[in-house]
Full PDB file with SEQRES, HELIX, SHEET, SSBOND, CRYST1, ORIGX, SCALE, CONECT and MASTER records, all heavy atoms in Angstrom:
SEQRES   1 A   38  LEU ALA ARG LYS ASN GLY MET LYS VAL HIS SER TRP THR          
SEQRES   2 A   38  LEU ARG LYS ASP GLN PRO TRP PRO GLY PHE LYS ASP THR          
SEQRES   3 A   38  LYS GLN GLU LEU ASP ALA ALA PHE LYS GLU ILE LYS              
HELIX    1 AA1 THR A   26  ASP A   31  1                                   6    
HELIX    2 AA2 ALA A   32  GLU A   36  3                                   5    
CRYST1    1.000    1.000    1.000  90.00  90.00  90.00 P 1           1          
ORIGX1      1.000000  0.000000  0.000000        0.00000                         
ORIGX2      0.000000  1.000000  0.000000        0.00000                         
ORIGX3      0.000000  0.000000  1.000000        0.00000                         
SCALE1      1.000000  0.000000  0.000000        0.00000                         
SCALE2      0.000000  1.000000  0.000000        0.00000                         
SCALE3      0.000000  0.000000  1.000000        0.00000                         
ATOM      1  N   LEU A   1      99.311 252.969 -75.134  1.00  0.00           N  
ATOM      2  CA  LEU A   1      99.512 254.153 -74.305  1.00  0.00           C  
ATOM      3  C   LEU A   1      98.795 253.994 -72.963  1.00  0.00           C  
ATOM      4  O   LEU A   1      99.339 254.363 -71.913  1.00  0.00           O  
ATOM      5  CB  LEU A   1      98.999 255.394 -75.043  1.00  0.00           C  
ATOM      6  CG  LEU A   1      99.245 256.751 -74.368  1.00  0.00           C  
ATOM      7  CD1 LEU A   1     100.719 256.969 -74.106  1.00  0.00           C  
ATOM      8  CD2 LEU A   1      98.681 257.876 -75.235  1.00  0.00           C  
ATOM      9  N   ALA A   2      97.601 253.432 -72.995  1.00  0.00           N  
ATOM     10  CA  ALA A   2      96.866 253.217 -71.746  1.00  0.00           C  
ATOM     11  C   ALA A   2      97.621 252.261 -70.834  1.00  0.00           C  
ATOM     12  O   ALA A   2      97.722 252.478 -69.620  1.00  0.00           O  
ATOM     13  CB  ALA A   2      95.475 252.677 -72.051  1.00  0.00           C  
ATOM     14  N   ARG A   3      98.166 251.198 -71.412  1.00  0.00           N  
ATOM     15  CA  ARG A   3      98.893 250.214 -70.598  1.00  0.00           C  
ATOM     16  C   ARG A   3     100.193 250.812 -70.046  1.00  0.00           C  
ATOM     17  O   ARG A   3     100.591 250.485 -68.928  1.00  0.00           O  
ATOM     18  CB  ARG A   3      99.181 248.965 -71.429  1.00  0.00           C  
ATOM     19  CG  ARG A   3      97.907 248.182 -71.761  1.00  0.00           C  
ATOM     20  CD  ARG A   3      98.217 246.822 -72.351  1.00  0.00           C  
ATOM     21  NE  ARG A   3      96.976 246.120 -72.662  1.00  0.00           N  
ATOM     22  CZ  ARG A   3      96.452 245.998 -73.873  1.00  0.00           C  
ATOM     23  NH1 ARG A   3      97.076 246.527 -74.918  1.00  0.00           N  
ATOM     24  NH2 ARG A   3      95.322 245.349 -74.067  1.00  0.00           N  
ATOM     25  N   LYS A   4     100.829 251.667 -70.807  1.00  0.00           N  
ATOM     26  CA  LYS A   4     102.036 252.324 -70.300  1.00  0.00           C  
ATOM     27  C   LYS A   4     101.717 253.198 -69.090  1.00  0.00           C  
ATOM     28  O   LYS A   4     102.579 253.448 -68.252  1.00  0.00           O  
ATOM     29  CB  LYS A   4     102.674 253.175 -71.408  1.00  0.00           C  
ATOM     30  CG  LYS A   4     103.381 252.352 -72.468  1.00  0.00           C  
ATOM     31  CD  LYS A   4     103.947 253.234 -73.572  1.00  0.00           C  
ATOM     32  CE  LYS A   4     104.615 252.392 -74.659  1.00  0.00           C  
ATOM     33  NZ  LYS A   4     105.122 253.240 -75.776  1.00  0.00           N  
ATOM     34  N   ASN A   5     100.468 253.653 -69.015  1.00  0.00           N  
ATOM     35  CA  ASN A   5     100.033 254.451 -67.874  1.00  0.00           C  
ATOM     36  C   ASN A   5      99.391 253.605 -66.778  1.00  0.00           C  
ATOM     37  O   ASN A   5      98.764 254.132 -65.864  1.00  0.00           O  
ATOM     38  CB  ASN A   5      99.053 255.530 -68.345  1.00  0.00           C  
ATOM     39  CG  ASN A   5      99.763 256.712 -68.978  1.00  0.00           C  
ATOM     40  OD1 ASN A   5     100.265 257.592 -68.285  1.00  0.00           O  
ATOM     41  ND2 ASN A   5      99.818 256.729 -70.303  1.00  0.00           N  
ATOM     42  N   GLY A   6      99.542 252.287 -66.891  1.00  0.00           N  
ATOM     43  CA  GLY A   6      99.121 251.401 -65.823  1.00  0.00           C  
ATOM     44  C   GLY A   6      97.654 251.018 -65.825  1.00  0.00           C  
ATOM     45  O   GLY A   6      97.165 250.454 -64.838  1.00  0.00           O  
ATOM     46  N   MET A   7      96.940 251.293 -66.913  1.00  0.00           N  
ATOM     47  CA  MET A   7      95.520 250.966 -66.971  1.00  0.00           C  
ATOM     48  C   MET A   7      95.260 249.739 -67.837  1.00  0.00           C  
ATOM     49  O   MET A   7      95.976 249.490 -68.802  1.00  0.00           O  
ATOM     50  CB  MET A   7      94.718 252.159 -67.529  1.00  0.00           C  
ATOM     51  CG  MET A   7      94.716 253.373 -66.635  1.00  0.00           C  
ATOM     52  SD  MET A   7      93.691 254.740 -67.280  1.00  0.00           S  
ATOM     53  CE  MET A   7      94.752 255.348 -68.622  1.00  0.00           C  
ATOM     54  N   LYS A   8      94.230 248.980 -67.497  1.00  0.00           N  
ATOM     55  CA  LYS A   8      93.738 247.924 -68.369  1.00  0.00           C  
ATOM     56  C   LYS A   8      92.922 248.557 -69.485  1.00  0.00           C  
ATOM     57  O   LYS A   8      92.503 249.715 -69.375  1.00  0.00           O  
ATOM     58  CB  LYS A   8      92.893 246.929 -67.570  1.00  0.00           C  
ATOM     59  CG  LYS A   8      93.702 246.063 -66.618  1.00  0.00           C  
ATOM     60  CD  LYS A   8      92.825 245.189 -65.757  1.00  0.00           C  
ATOM     61  CE  LYS A   8      92.310 245.951 -64.561  1.00  0.00           C  
ATOM     62  NZ  LYS A   8      91.657 245.066 -63.560  1.00  0.00           N  
ATOM     63  N   VAL A   9      92.678 247.791 -70.535  1.00  0.00           N  
ATOM     64  CA  VAL A   9      91.943 248.318 -71.688  1.00  0.00           C  
ATOM     65  C   VAL A   9      90.706 247.465 -71.957  1.00  0.00           C  
ATOM     66  O   VAL A   9      90.815 246.270 -72.239  1.00  0.00           O  
ATOM     67  CB  VAL A   9      92.830 248.369 -72.953  1.00  0.00           C  
ATOM     68  CG1 VAL A   9      92.045 248.981 -74.123  1.00  0.00           C  
ATOM     69  CG2 VAL A   9      94.094 249.176 -72.691  1.00  0.00           C  
ATOM     70  N   HIS A  10      89.536 248.086 -71.850  1.00  0.00           N  
ATOM     71  CA  HIS A  10      88.276 247.453 -72.218  1.00  0.00           C  
ATOM     72  C   HIS A  10      87.681 248.225 -73.398  1.00  0.00           C  
ATOM     73  O   HIS A  10      88.040 249.383 -73.635  1.00  0.00           O  
ATOM     74  CB  HIS A  10      87.287 247.483 -71.050  1.00  0.00           C  
ATOM     75  CG  HIS A  10      87.663 246.586 -69.913  1.00  0.00           C  
ATOM     76  ND1 HIS A  10      86.830 246.318 -68.850  1.00  0.00           N  
ATOM     77  CD2 HIS A  10      88.803 245.877 -69.666  1.00  0.00           C  
ATOM     78  CE1 HIS A  10      87.423 245.496 -68.011  1.00  0.00           C  
ATOM     79  NE2 HIS A  10      88.632 245.219 -68.472  1.00  0.00           N  
ATOM     80  N   SER A  11      86.763 247.599 -74.124  1.00  0.00           N  
ATOM     81  CA  SER A  11      86.153 248.301 -75.265  1.00  0.00           C  
ATOM     82  C   SER A  11      84.742 247.783 -75.518  1.00  0.00           C  
ATOM     83  O   SER A  11      84.297 246.812 -74.911  1.00  0.00           O  
ATOM     84  CB  SER A  11      87.019 248.150 -76.521  1.00  0.00           C  
ATOM     85  OG  SER A  11      86.590 249.051 -77.527  1.00  0.00           O  
ATOM     86  N   TRP A  12      84.055 248.437 -76.448  1.00  0.00           N  
ATOM     87  CA  TRP A  12      82.635 248.189 -76.725  1.00  0.00           C  
ATOM     88  C   TRP A  12      82.311 248.586 -78.148  1.00  0.00           C  
ATOM     89  O   TRP A  12      83.019 249.371 -78.732  1.00  0.00           O  
ATOM     90  CB  TRP A  12      81.783 248.990 -75.725  1.00  0.00           C  
ATOM     91  CG  TRP A  12      82.308 250.383 -75.463  1.00  0.00           C  
ATOM     92  CD1 TRP A  12      83.275 250.751 -74.570  1.00  0.00           C  
ATOM     93  CD2 TRP A  12      81.938 251.600 -76.122  1.00  0.00           C  
ATOM     94  NE1 TRP A  12      83.532 252.109 -74.625  1.00  0.00           N  
ATOM     95  CE2 TRP A  12      82.719 252.662 -75.575  1.00  0.00           C  
ATOM     96  CE3 TRP A  12      81.016 251.914 -77.126  1.00  0.00           C  
ATOM     97  CZ2 TRP A  12      82.613 253.989 -75.989  1.00  0.00           C  
ATOM     98  CZ3 TRP A  12      80.915 253.250 -77.539  1.00  0.00           C  
ATOM     99  CH2 TRP A  12      81.720 254.263 -76.961  1.00  0.00           C  
ATOM    100  N   THR A  13      81.290 248.062 -78.781  1.00  0.00           N  
ATOM    101  CA  THR A  13      80.407 246.973 -78.414  1.00  0.00           C  
ATOM    102  C   THR A  13      80.360 246.017 -79.598  1.00  0.00           C  
ATOM    103  O   THR A  13      80.086 246.438 -80.723  1.00  0.00           O  
ATOM    104  CB  THR A  13      78.974 247.476 -78.131  1.00  0.00           C  
ATOM    105  OG1 THR A  13      78.985 248.446 -77.087  1.00  0.00           O  
ATOM    106  CG2 THR A  13      78.039 246.320 -77.793  1.00  0.00           C  
ATOM    107  N   LEU A  14      80.616 244.730 -79.354  1.00  0.00           N  
ATOM    108  CA  LEU A  14      80.555 243.735 -80.416  1.00  0.00           C  
ATOM    109  C   LEU A  14      79.111 243.310 -80.654  1.00  0.00           C  
ATOM    110  O   LEU A  14      78.431 242.870 -79.734  1.00  0.00           O  
ATOM    111  CB  LEU A  14      81.385 242.505 -80.051  1.00  0.00           C  
ATOM    112  CG  LEU A  14      81.399 241.472 -81.196  1.00  0.00           C  
ATOM    113  CD1 LEU A  14      82.720 241.523 -81.933  1.00  0.00           C  
ATOM    114  CD2 LEU A  14      81.105 240.080 -80.693  1.00  0.00           C  
ATOM    115  N   ARG A  15      78.667 243.463 -81.923  1.00  0.00           N  
ATOM    116  CA  ARG A  15      77.323 243.038 -82.332  1.00  0.00           C  
ATOM    117  C   ARG A  15      77.459 242.215 -83.604  1.00  0.00           C  
ATOM    118  O   ARG A  15      77.935 242.731 -84.624  1.00  0.00           O  
ATOM    119  CB  ARG A  15      76.431 244.251 -82.603  1.00  0.00           C  
ATOM    120  CG  ARG A  15      76.193 245.150 -81.395  1.00  0.00           C  
ATOM    121  CD  ARG A  15      75.277 246.318 -81.759  1.00  0.00           C  
ATOM    122  NE  ARG A  15      74.883 247.075 -80.588  1.00  0.00           N  
ATOM    123  CZ  ARG A  15      75.380 248.266 -80.246  1.00  0.00           C  
ATOM    124  NH1 ARG A  15      76.320 248.831 -81.009  1.00  0.00           N  
ATOM    125  NH2 ARG A  15      74.956 248.891 -79.164  1.00  0.00           N  
ATOM    126  N   LYS A  16      77.037 240.969 -83.558  1.00  0.00           N  
ATOM    127  CA  LYS A  16      77.197 240.128 -84.740  1.00  0.00           C  
ATOM    128  C   LYS A  16      76.281 240.565 -85.878  1.00  0.00           C  
ATOM    129  O   LYS A  16      76.499 240.169 -87.030  1.00  0.00           O  
ATOM    130  CB  LYS A  16      76.967 238.662 -84.392  1.00  0.00           C  
ATOM    131  CG  LYS A  16      75.567 238.295 -83.979  1.00  0.00           C  
ATOM    132  CD  LYS A  16      75.485 236.813 -83.633  1.00  0.00           C  
ATOM    133  CE  LYS A  16      74.071 236.381 -83.268  1.00  0.00           C  
ATOM    134  NZ  LYS A  16      74.004 234.948 -82.898  1.00  0.00           N  
ATOM    135  N   ASP A  17      75.267 241.378 -85.584  1.00  0.00           N  
ATOM    136  CA  ASP A  17      74.384 241.881 -86.635  1.00  0.00           C  
ATOM    137  C   ASP A  17      74.714 243.315 -87.047  1.00  0.00           C  
ATOM    138  O   ASP A  17      73.974 243.930 -87.809  1.00  0.00           O  
ATOM    139  CB  ASP A  17      72.914 241.788 -86.204  1.00  0.00           C  
ATOM    140  CG  ASP A  17      72.644 242.445 -84.849  1.00  0.00           C  
ATOM    141  OD1 ASP A  17      73.598 242.932 -84.205  1.00  0.00           O  
ATOM    142  OD2 ASP A  17      71.471 242.445 -84.425  1.00  0.00           O  
ATOM    143  N   GLN A  18      75.844 243.840 -86.558  1.00  0.00           N  
ATOM    144  CA  GLN A  18      76.264 245.188 -86.952  1.00  0.00           C  
ATOM    145  C   GLN A  18      77.793 245.279 -86.834  1.00  0.00           C  
ATOM    146  O   GLN A  18      78.319 245.759 -85.837  1.00  0.00           O  
ATOM    147  CB  GLN A  18      75.587 246.249 -86.073  1.00  0.00           C  
ATOM    148  CG  GLN A  18      75.813 247.682 -86.547  1.00  0.00           C  
ATOM    149  CD  GLN A  18      75.177 248.689 -85.600  1.00  0.00           C  
ATOM    150  OE1 GLN A  18      75.675 248.921 -84.495  1.00  0.00           O  
ATOM    151  NE2 GLN A  18      74.079 249.296 -86.021  1.00  0.00           N  
ATOM    152  N   PRO A  19      78.534 244.806 -87.848  1.00  0.00           N  
ATOM    153  CA  PRO A  19      80.002 244.806 -87.773  1.00  0.00           C  
ATOM    154  C   PRO A  19      80.574 246.213 -87.660  1.00  0.00           C  
ATOM    155  O   PRO A  19      79.981 247.187 -88.121  1.00  0.00           O  
ATOM    156  CB  PRO A  19      80.417 244.158 -89.102  1.00  0.00           C  
ATOM    157  CG  PRO A  19      79.215 243.424 -89.575  1.00  0.00           C  
ATOM    158  CD  PRO A  19      78.035 244.209 -89.088  1.00  0.00           C  
ATOM    159  N   TRP A  20      81.734 246.293 -87.043  1.00  0.00           N  
ATOM    160  CA  TRP A  20      82.440 247.562 -86.976  1.00  0.00           C  
ATOM    161  C   TRP A  20      82.935 247.968 -88.363  1.00  0.00           C  
ATOM    162  O   TRP A  20      83.260 247.095 -89.195  1.00  0.00           O  
ATOM    163  CB  TRP A  20      83.644 247.452 -86.046  1.00  0.00           C  
ATOM    164  CG  TRP A  20      83.299 247.342 -84.597  1.00  0.00           C  
ATOM    165  CD1 TRP A  20      82.433 248.118 -83.895  1.00  0.00           C  
ATOM    166  CD2 TRP A  20      83.827 246.390 -83.659  1.00  0.00           C  
ATOM    167  NE1 TRP A  20      82.385 247.713 -82.580  1.00  0.00           N  
ATOM    168  CE2 TRP A  20      83.224 246.663 -82.406  1.00  0.00           C  
ATOM    169  CE3 TRP A  20      84.747 245.347 -83.758  1.00  0.00           C  
ATOM    170  CZ2 TRP A  20      83.523 245.932 -81.257  1.00  0.00           C  
ATOM    171  CZ3 TRP A  20      85.041 244.611 -82.621  1.00  0.00           C  
ATOM    172  CH2 TRP A  20      84.447 244.907 -81.390  1.00  0.00           C  
ATOM    173  N   PRO A  21      83.025 249.273 -88.632  1.00  0.00           N  
ATOM    174  CA  PRO A  21      83.559 249.722 -89.928  1.00  0.00           C  
ATOM    175  C   PRO A  21      84.965 249.174 -90.155  1.00  0.00           C  
ATOM    176  O   PRO A  21      85.802 249.175 -89.251  1.00  0.00           O  
ATOM    177  CB  PRO A  21      83.584 251.244 -89.783  1.00  0.00           C  
ATOM    178  CG  PRO A  21      82.568 251.557 -88.748  1.00  0.00           C  
ATOM    179  CD  PRO A  21      82.605 250.405 -87.785  1.00  0.00           C  
ATOM    180  N   GLY A  22      85.203 248.662 -91.353  1.00  0.00           N  
ATOM    181  CA  GLY A  22      86.515 248.126 -91.701  1.00  0.00           C  
ATOM    182  C   GLY A  22      86.644 246.630 -91.501  1.00  0.00           C  
ATOM    183  O   GLY A  22      87.650 246.033 -91.883  1.00  0.00           O  
ATOM    184  N   PHE A  23      85.619 245.990 -90.904  1.00  0.00           N  
ATOM    185  CA  PHE A  23      85.684 244.557 -90.628  1.00  0.00           C  
ATOM    186  C   PHE A  23      84.633 243.811 -91.443  1.00  0.00           C  
ATOM    187  O   PHE A  23      83.524 244.296 -91.645  1.00  0.00           O  
ATOM    188  CB  PHE A  23      85.474 244.289 -89.140  1.00  0.00           C  
ATOM    189  CG  PHE A  23      86.615 244.743 -88.283  1.00  0.00           C  
ATOM    190  CD1 PHE A  23      86.697 246.060 -87.843  1.00  0.00           C  
ATOM    191  CD2 PHE A  23      87.630 243.863 -87.946  1.00  0.00           C  
ATOM    192  CE1 PHE A  23      87.760 246.484 -87.060  1.00  0.00           C  
ATOM    193  CE2 PHE A  23      88.701 244.275 -87.162  1.00  0.00           C  
ATOM    194  CZ  PHE A  23      88.774 245.591 -86.724  1.00  0.00           C  
ATOM    195  N   LYS A  24      84.999 242.596 -91.865  1.00  0.00           N  
ATOM    196  CA  LYS A  24      84.094 241.829 -92.714  1.00  0.00           C  
ATOM    197  C   LYS A  24      83.176 240.906 -91.929  1.00  0.00           C  
ATOM    198  O   LYS A  24      82.078 240.569 -92.383  1.00  0.00           O  
ATOM    199  CB  LYS A  24      84.884 241.019 -93.738  1.00  0.00           C  
ATOM    200  CG  LYS A  24      85.864 240.012 -93.135  1.00  0.00           C  
ATOM    201  CD  LYS A  24      86.669 239.310 -94.216  1.00  0.00           C  
ATOM    202  CE  LYS A  24      87.634 238.293 -93.605  1.00  0.00           C  
ATOM    203  NZ  LYS A  24      88.434 237.602 -94.650  1.00  0.00           N  
ATOM    204  N   ASP A  25      83.616 240.450 -90.745  1.00  0.00           N  
ATOM    205  CA  ASP A  25      82.772 239.543 -89.971  1.00  0.00           C  
ATOM    206  C   ASP A  25      83.206 239.519 -88.508  1.00  0.00           C  
ATOM    207  O   ASP A  25      84.214 240.130 -88.119  1.00  0.00           O  
ATOM    208  CB  ASP A  25      82.801 238.128 -90.554  1.00  0.00           C  
ATOM    209  CG  ASP A  25      84.205 237.541 -90.656  1.00  0.00           C  
ATOM    210  OD1 ASP A  25      85.075 237.903 -89.831  1.00  0.00           O  
ATOM    211  OD2 ASP A  25      84.444 236.732 -91.569  1.00  0.00           O  
ATOM    212  N   THR A  26      82.438 238.806 -87.699  1.00  0.00           N  
ATOM    213  CA  THR A  26      82.676 238.743 -86.257  1.00  0.00           C  
ATOM    214  C   THR A  26      84.015 238.086 -85.931  1.00  0.00           C  
ATOM    215  O   THR A  26      84.716 238.513 -85.014  1.00  0.00           O  
ATOM    216  CB  THR A  26      81.535 237.974 -85.573  1.00  0.00           C  
ATOM    217  OG1 THR A  26      80.297 238.635 -85.843  1.00  0.00           O  
ATOM    218  CG2 THR A  26      81.739 237.911 -84.072  1.00  0.00           C  
ATOM    219  N   LYS A  27      84.368 237.053 -86.664  1.00  0.00           N  
ATOM    220  CA  LYS A  27      85.656 236.367 -86.431  1.00  0.00           C  
ATOM    221  C   LYS A  27      86.818 237.336 -86.583  1.00  0.00           C  
ATOM    222  O   LYS A  27      87.743 237.361 -85.753  1.00  0.00           O  
ATOM    223  CB  LYS A  27      85.782 235.203 -87.407  1.00  0.00           C  
ATOM    224  CG  LYS A  27      87.162 234.530 -87.451  1.00  0.00           C  
ATOM    225  CD  LYS A  27      87.462 233.766 -86.188  1.00  0.00           C  
ATOM    226  CE  LYS A  27      88.599 232.756 -86.374  1.00  0.00           C  
ATOM    227  NZ  LYS A  27      89.837 233.344 -86.908  1.00  0.00           N  
ATOM    228  N   GLN A  28      86.798 238.145 -87.621  1.00  0.00           N  
ATOM    229  CA  GLN A  28      87.868 239.113 -87.837  1.00  0.00           C  
ATOM    230  C   GLN A  28      87.889 240.148 -86.711  1.00  0.00           C  
ATOM    231  O   GLN A  28      88.964 240.562 -86.251  1.00  0.00           O  
ATOM    232  CB  GLN A  28      87.690 239.810 -89.193  1.00  0.00           C  
ATOM    233  CG  GLN A  28      88.869 240.713 -89.558  1.00  0.00           C  
ATOM    234  CD  GLN A  28      88.637 241.482 -90.838  1.00  0.00           C  
ATOM    235  OE1 GLN A  28      87.503 241.876 -91.149  1.00  0.00           O  
ATOM    236  NE2 GLN A  28      89.698 241.714 -91.600  1.00  0.00           N  
ATOM    237  N   GLU A  29      86.717 240.557 -86.260  1.00  0.00           N  
ATOM    238  CA  GLU A  29      86.635 241.519 -85.163  1.00  0.00           C  
ATOM    239  C   GLU A  29      87.250 240.951 -83.885  1.00  0.00           C  
ATOM    240  O   GLU A  29      88.033 241.623 -83.201  1.00  0.00           O  
ATOM    241  CB  GLU A  29      85.173 241.901 -84.920  1.00  0.00           C  
ATOM    242  CG  GLU A  29      84.553 242.693 -86.046  1.00  0.00           C  
ATOM    243  CD  GLU A  29      83.054 242.891 -85.854  1.00  0.00           C  
ATOM    244  OE1 GLU A  29      82.372 241.952 -85.381  1.00  0.00           O  
ATOM    245  OE2 GLU A  29      82.560 243.976 -86.170  1.00  0.00           O  
ATOM    246  N   LEU A  30      86.908 239.726 -83.575  1.00  0.00           N  
ATOM    247  CA  LEU A  30      87.413 239.110 -82.352  1.00  0.00           C  
ATOM    248  C   LEU A  30      88.905 238.825 -82.430  1.00  0.00           C  
ATOM    249  O   LEU A  30      89.626 238.952 -81.437  1.00  0.00           O  
ATOM    250  CB  LEU A  30      86.629 237.832 -82.063  1.00  0.00           C  
ATOM    251  CG  LEU A  30      85.169 238.057 -81.642  1.00  0.00           C  
ATOM    252  CD1 LEU A  30      84.395 236.748 -81.646  1.00  0.00           C  
ATOM    253  CD2 LEU A  30      85.101 238.705 -80.268  1.00  0.00           C  
ATOM    254  N   ASP A  31      89.390 238.443 -83.598  1.00  0.00           N  
ATOM    255  CA  ASP A  31      90.836 238.254 -83.774  1.00  0.00           C  
ATOM    256  C   ASP A  31      91.584 239.564 -83.514  1.00  0.00           C  
ATOM    257  O   ASP A  31      92.620 239.580 -82.851  1.00  0.00           O  
ATOM    258  CB  ASP A  31      91.141 237.750 -85.187  1.00  0.00           C  
ATOM    259  CG  ASP A  31      90.844 236.275 -85.374  1.00  0.00           C  
ATOM    260  OD1 ASP A  31      90.691 235.560 -84.370  1.00  0.00           O  
ATOM    261  OD2 ASP A  31      90.763 235.831 -86.542  1.00  0.00           O  
ATOM    262  N   ALA A  32      91.054 240.657 -84.047  1.00  0.00           N  
ATOM    263  CA  ALA A  32      91.689 241.961 -83.834  1.00  0.00           C  
ATOM    264  C   ALA A  32      91.644 242.347 -82.362  1.00  0.00           C  
ATOM    265  O   ALA A  32      92.627 242.848 -81.798  1.00  0.00           O  
ATOM    266  CB  ALA A  32      90.999 243.024 -84.683  1.00  0.00           C  
ATOM    267  N   ALA A  33      90.507 242.095 -81.723  1.00  0.00           N  
ATOM    268  CA  ALA A  33      90.327 242.479 -80.320  1.00  0.00           C  
ATOM    269  C   ALA A  33      91.278 241.742 -79.390  1.00  0.00           C  
ATOM    270  O   ALA A  33      91.892 242.348 -78.503  1.00  0.00           O  
ATOM    271  CB  ALA A  33      88.875 242.229 -79.902  1.00  0.00           C  
ATOM    272  N   PHE A  34      91.427 240.425 -79.595  1.00  0.00           N  
ATOM    273  CA  PHE A  34      92.146 239.615 -78.619  1.00  0.00           C  
ATOM    274  C   PHE A  34      93.518 239.121 -79.072  1.00  0.00           C  
ATOM    275  O   PHE A  34      94.352 238.777 -78.233  1.00  0.00           O  
ATOM    276  CB  PHE A  34      91.278 238.429 -78.211  1.00  0.00           C  
ATOM    277  CG  PHE A  34      89.999 238.852 -77.537  1.00  0.00           C  
ATOM    278  CD1 PHE A  34      88.770 238.585 -78.120  1.00  0.00           C  
ATOM    279  CD2 PHE A  34      90.023 239.556 -76.348  1.00  0.00           C  
ATOM    280  CE1 PHE A  34      87.588 238.978 -77.506  1.00  0.00           C  
ATOM    281  CE2 PHE A  34      88.855 239.963 -75.729  1.00  0.00           C  
ATOM    282  CZ  PHE A  34      87.630 239.680 -76.307  1.00  0.00           C  
ATOM    283  N   LYS A  35      93.778 239.096 -80.381  1.00  0.00           N  
ATOM    284  CA  LYS A  35      95.081 238.639 -80.853  1.00  0.00           C  
ATOM    285  C   LYS A  35      95.991 239.790 -81.257  1.00  0.00           C  
ATOM    286  O   LYS A  35      97.213 239.654 -81.225  1.00  0.00           O  
ATOM    287  CB  LYS A  35      94.904 237.668 -82.026  1.00  0.00           C  
ATOM    288  CG  LYS A  35      94.214 236.369 -81.622  1.00  0.00           C  
ATOM    289  CD  LYS A  35      94.065 235.398 -82.788  1.00  0.00           C  
ATOM    290  CE  LYS A  35      93.389 234.116 -82.344  1.00  0.00           C  
ATOM    291  NZ  LYS A  35      93.212 233.144 -83.458  1.00  0.00           N  
ATOM    292  N   GLU A  36      95.380 240.924 -81.646  1.00  0.00           N  
ATOM    293  CA  GLU A  36      96.190 242.088 -82.010  1.00  0.00           C  
ATOM    294  C   GLU A  36      96.223 243.120 -80.884  1.00  0.00           C  
ATOM    295  O   GLU A  36      97.287 243.462 -80.373  1.00  0.00           O  
ATOM    296  CB  GLU A  36      95.644 242.714 -83.296  1.00  0.00           C  
ATOM    297  CG  GLU A  36      95.771 241.823 -84.522  1.00  0.00           C  
ATOM    298  CD  GLU A  36      95.300 242.522 -85.787  1.00  0.00           C  
ATOM    299  OE1 GLU A  36      96.031 243.397 -86.295  1.00  0.00           O  
ATOM    300  OE2 GLU A  36      94.196 242.201 -86.277  1.00  0.00           O  
ATOM    301  N   ILE A  37      95.064 243.615 -80.482  1.00  0.00           N  
ATOM    302  CA  ILE A  37      95.009 244.642 -79.437  1.00  0.00           C  
ATOM    303  C   ILE A  37      95.205 244.037 -78.060  1.00  0.00           C  
ATOM    304  O   ILE A  37      95.706 244.679 -77.156  1.00  0.00           O  
ATOM    305  CB  ILE A  37      93.666 245.399 -79.512  1.00  0.00           C  
ATOM    306  CG1 ILE A  37      93.498 246.045 -80.889  1.00  0.00           C  
ATOM    307  CG2 ILE A  37      93.579 246.478 -78.427  1.00  0.00           C  
ATOM    308  CD1 ILE A  37      92.115 246.619 -81.139  1.00  0.00           C  
ATOM    309  N   LYS A  38      94.776 242.772 -77.909  1.00  0.00           N  
ATOM    310  CA  LYS A  38      94.837 242.067 -76.627  1.00  0.00           C  
ATOM    311  C   LYS A  38      94.036 242.803 -75.548  1.00  0.00           C  
ATOM    312  O   LYS A  38      94.549 243.138 -74.464  1.00  0.00           O  
ATOM    313  CB  LYS A  38      96.284 241.836 -76.188  1.00  0.00           C  
ATOM    314  CG  LYS A  38      97.023 240.861 -77.091  1.00  0.00           C  
ATOM    315  CD  LYS A  38      98.339 240.436 -76.497  1.00  0.00           C  
ATOM    316  CE  LYS A  38      99.030 239.381 -77.369  1.00  0.00           C  
ATOM    317  NZ  LYS A  38      98.263 238.142 -77.467  1.00  0.00           N  
TER     318      LYS A  38                                                      
MASTER        0    0    0    2    0    0    0    6  317    1    0    3          
END                                                                             
């Protein structure tokens, strides 16, 4: 939706010692960030 409105998408905050809820490790987080959400 943001891209349809002409904006880039940034996000925060990756911490290898505190994974995001729903993720098992940093590799999975980064794959989601850059291969799925882009």
